[in-house]
Amino acid sequence: MIYKFRIILDTQEDIFRDIEIEASNTLEDFHNSINQAFGFDGMEMASFYLSNDEWNQGEEISLFDMGEGDSGVRLMNESFLEDTVTESENKLIYVYDFFNMWTFFVELVEISPKEDGKSYPNLLFAHGVLPEEAPDKQFESQDPLPEINPDISDIEDYDDLDFNENWN
């Protein structure tokens, strides 16, 4: 089967690419296709994140395991599109270059049979020019900040706080 995706840069301008790729490809193959379609050199760290209809960021699928020991991080080269994306779970967030935070919304738009004589992955359509720099992000917390307890906000006597001041 062939998955057709629309990959949209998170910016106010319309900048997107439509890519079709075999469902049996890995997310690393898809990552490489996205890099090629947008003109990145592919030398930066990247991750996919599972997402829901509200584009909330879920489980990470990383290009490399940067953790120590057995961290249990899913890796792109071990994760197949057909096992990750379905008609009902059809959204991903793709972040390329964690210093610049190029952020893309990825949506599966169609599943179709493979066409004989056609090579995949395939860039179907490109719209818009990638800006020189990644768009600025306005990071927002989904949880409100906790209220400060007024009983401890103006502490003058630290002797009653029950901690060892020689802790280091």
Protein backbone atom coordinates (compact mmCIF):
# COMPACT_ATOMS: atom_id res chain seq x y z
CA MET A 1 0.00 0.00 0.00
CA ILE A 2 1.01 3.60 -0.59
CA TYR A 3 0.59 6.30 2.03
CA LYS A 4 0.07 9.85 0.79
CA PHE A 5 1.04 12.49 3.32
CA ARG A 6 0.75 16.26 3.49
CA ILE A 7 3.62 17.82 5.47
CA ILE A 8 2.91 21.43 6.52
CA LEU A 9 5.47 23.80 8.04
CA ASP A 10 4.13 25.39 11.24
CA THR A 11 4.03 28.98 9.97
CA GLN A 12 1.40 31.48 8.86
CA GLU A 13 2.40 31.18 5.20
CA ASP A 14 1.26 28.13 3.25
CA ILE A 15 4.35 25.97 2.93
CA PHE A 16 3.76 22.28 2.43
CA ARG A 17 4.80 19.18 0.52
CA ASP A 18 2.77 16.15 -0.52
CA ILE A 19 4.73 12.91 -0.44
CA GLU A 20 3.71 9.36 -1.22
CA ILE A 21 5.70 6.52 0.30
CA GLU A 22 5.28 2.79 0.76
CA ALA A 23 3.55 1.82 3.99
CA SER A 24 6.27 -0.77 4.59
CA ASN A 25 8.98 1.93 4.78
CA THR A 26 10.44 2.99 8.10
CA LEU A 27 9.97 6.39 9.68
CA GLU A 28 13.67 6.96 8.98
CA ASP A 29 12.91 6.55 5.25
CA PHE A 30 10.06 9.03 5.66
CA HIS A 31 12.36 11.42 7.59
CA ASN A 32 14.84 11.29 4.68
CA SER A 33 12.04 11.98 2.18
CA ILE A 34 10.86 15.01 4.16
CA ASN A 35 14.42 16.35 4.37
CA GLN A 36 14.85 16.00 0.64
CA ALA A 37 11.46 17.56 -0.15
CA PHE A 38 12.17 20.65 1.97
CA GLY A 39 15.86 20.97 1.04
CA PHE A 40 17.43 20.15 4.40
CA ASP A 41 20.84 18.49 4.48
CA GLY A 42 19.61 15.85 6.94
CA MET A 43 22.53 16.37 9.33
CA GLU A 44 20.46 17.46 12.34
CA MET A 45 18.62 15.52 15.02
CA ALA A 46 14.92 14.91 14.39
CA SER A 47 11.92 13.18 15.92
CA PHE A 48 8.38 12.27 15.03
CA TYR A 49 5.69 12.54 17.68
CA LEU A 50 2.39 10.73 17.61
CA SER A 51 -0.44 13.25 17.63
CA ASN A 52 -4.20 13.49 17.95
CA ASP A 53 -6.80 15.58 16.13
CA GLU A 54 -5.90 18.65 18.24
CA TRP A 55 -2.20 18.26 17.31
CA ASN A 56 -1.15 17.48 20.88
CA GLN A 57 2.32 15.99 21.05
CA GLY A 58 2.39 12.34 22.13
CA GLU A 59 4.98 9.56 22.16
CA GLU A 60 8.35 10.37 20.59
CA ILE A 61 9.93 8.32 17.81
CA SER A 62 13.53 9.49 17.63
CA LEU A 63 16.20 9.37 14.93
CA PHE A 64 18.80 8.28 17.51
CA ASP A 65 18.63 7.01 21.08
CA MET A 66 20.24 9.77 23.12
CA GLY A 67 19.37 8.18 26.46
CA GLU A 68 21.58 6.13 28.69
CA GLY A 69 21.06 2.41 29.06
CA ASP A 70 17.79 0.78 28.15
CA SER A 71 15.66 3.92 27.81
CA GLY A 72 12.93 2.29 25.73
CA VAL A 73 12.81 5.12 23.19
CA ARG A 74 11.22 4.15 19.88
CA LEU A 75 13.58 4.66 16.97
CA MET A 76 12.73 5.67 13.42
CA ASN A 77 14.76 2.86 11.83
CA GLU A 78 12.80 0.27 13.83
CA SER A 79 9.34 1.83 13.35
CA PHE A 80 7.36 1.16 10.18
CA LEU A 81 4.78 3.56 8.80
CA GLU A 82 2.11 0.84 8.58
CA ASP A 83 2.59 0.04 12.28
CA THR A 84 2.59 3.71 13.35
CA VAL A 85 0.05 5.50 11.18
CA THR A 86 -3.48 4.32 10.39
CA GLU A 87 -6.58 5.87 8.89
CA SER A 88 -7.85 6.67 12.38
CA GLU A 89 -4.46 7.58 13.94
CA ASN A 90 -3.29 9.66 11.00
CA LYS A 91 -1.39 12.62 12.47
CA LEU A 92 2.25 13.11 13.42
CA ILE A 93 4.34 16.08 14.42
CA TYR A 94 7.83 16.15 12.89
CA VAL A 95 10.57 18.28 14.45
CA TYR A 96 13.84 18.75 12.59
CA ASP A 97 16.91 20.42 14.15
CA PHE A 98 16.19 20.87 17.86
CA PHE A 99 18.21 24.10 18.01
CA ASN A 100 16.03 25.80 15.39
CA MET A 101 12.85 23.74 15.94
CA TRP A 102 11.60 23.35 12.39
CA THR A 103 8.15 21.97 13.22
CA PHE A 104 5.85 20.27 10.74
CA PHE A 105 2.32 18.89 10.91
CA VAL A 106 2.15 15.56 9.09
CA GLU A 107 -1.17 14.07 8.07
CA LEU A 108 -2.00 10.88 6.23
CA VAL A 109 -4.48 11.97 3.56
CA GLU A 110 -4.90 8.81 1.49
CA ILE A 111 -4.03 5.12 1.31
CA SER A 112 -3.93 3.68 -2.19
CA PRO A 113 -2.56 0.65 -4.02
CA LYS A 114 0.98 0.72 -5.37
CA GLU A 115 1.20 1.67 -9.04
CA ASP A 116 3.35 -0.56 -11.26
CA GLY A 117 6.37 1.18 -12.75
CA LYS A 118 6.29 4.05 -10.24
CA SER A 119 9.16 4.59 -7.79
CA TYR A 120 8.63 5.55 -4.17
CA PRO A 121 9.01 7.72 -2.18
CA ASN A 122 7.65 10.33 -4.54
CA LEU A 123 7.23 14.08 -4.12
CA LEU A 124 3.79 14.76 -5.55
CA PHE A 125 3.45 18.48 -4.92
CA ALA A 126 5.44 21.34 -3.41
CA HIS A 127 3.92 24.66 -2.37
CA GLY A 128 5.73 27.62 -0.85
CA VAL A 129 9.37 28.41 -0.25
CA LEU A 130 11.09 27.42 2.98
CA PRO A 131 12.22 30.57 4.87
CA GLU A 132 15.90 31.11 5.65
CA GLU A 133 15.24 30.62 9.38
CA ALA A 134 12.77 28.48 11.30
CA PRO A 135 9.60 30.35 12.29
CA ASP A 136 9.50 31.63 15.88
CA LYS A 137 7.53 29.49 18.29
CA GLN A 138 5.16 30.67 20.99
CA PHE A 139 5.41 27.87 23.52
CA GLU A 140 2.39 27.56 25.76
CA SER A 141 1.81 25.40 28.76
CA GLN A 142 -1.28 23.25 28.65
CA ASP A 143 -1.51 23.40 32.44
CA PRO A 144 -1.90 26.70 34.28
CA LEU A 145 0.88 27.67 36.65
CA PRO A 146 0.20 26.63 40.23
CA GLU A 147 -0.77 29.35 42.64
CA ILE A 148 1.86 30.34 45.16
CA ASN A 149 0.98 29.45 48.71
CA PRO A 150 0.82 32.83 50.48
CA ASP A 151 1.85 31.17 53.77
CA ILE A 152 5.32 30.38 52.42
CA SER A 153 5.92 33.13 49.85
CA ASP A 154 7.43 35.58 52.34
CA ILE A 155 9.59 33.36 54.49
CA GLU A 156 11.69 35.19 57.03
CA ASP A 157 12.54 32.35 59.40
CA TYR A 158 14.15 29.40 57.62
CA ASP A 159 14.81 27.49 60.87
CA ASP A 160 11.27 26.05 60.88
CA LEU A 161 11.47 24.59 57.34
CA ASP A 162 13.02 21.27 58.46
CA PHE A 163 15.95 20.93 56.06
CA ASN A 164 19.63 20.45 56.59
CA GLU A 165 21.45 23.59 55.52
CA ASN A 166 24.66 21.57 54.97
CA TRP A 167 23.03 19.44 52.28
CA ASN A 168 25.89 19.67 49.79
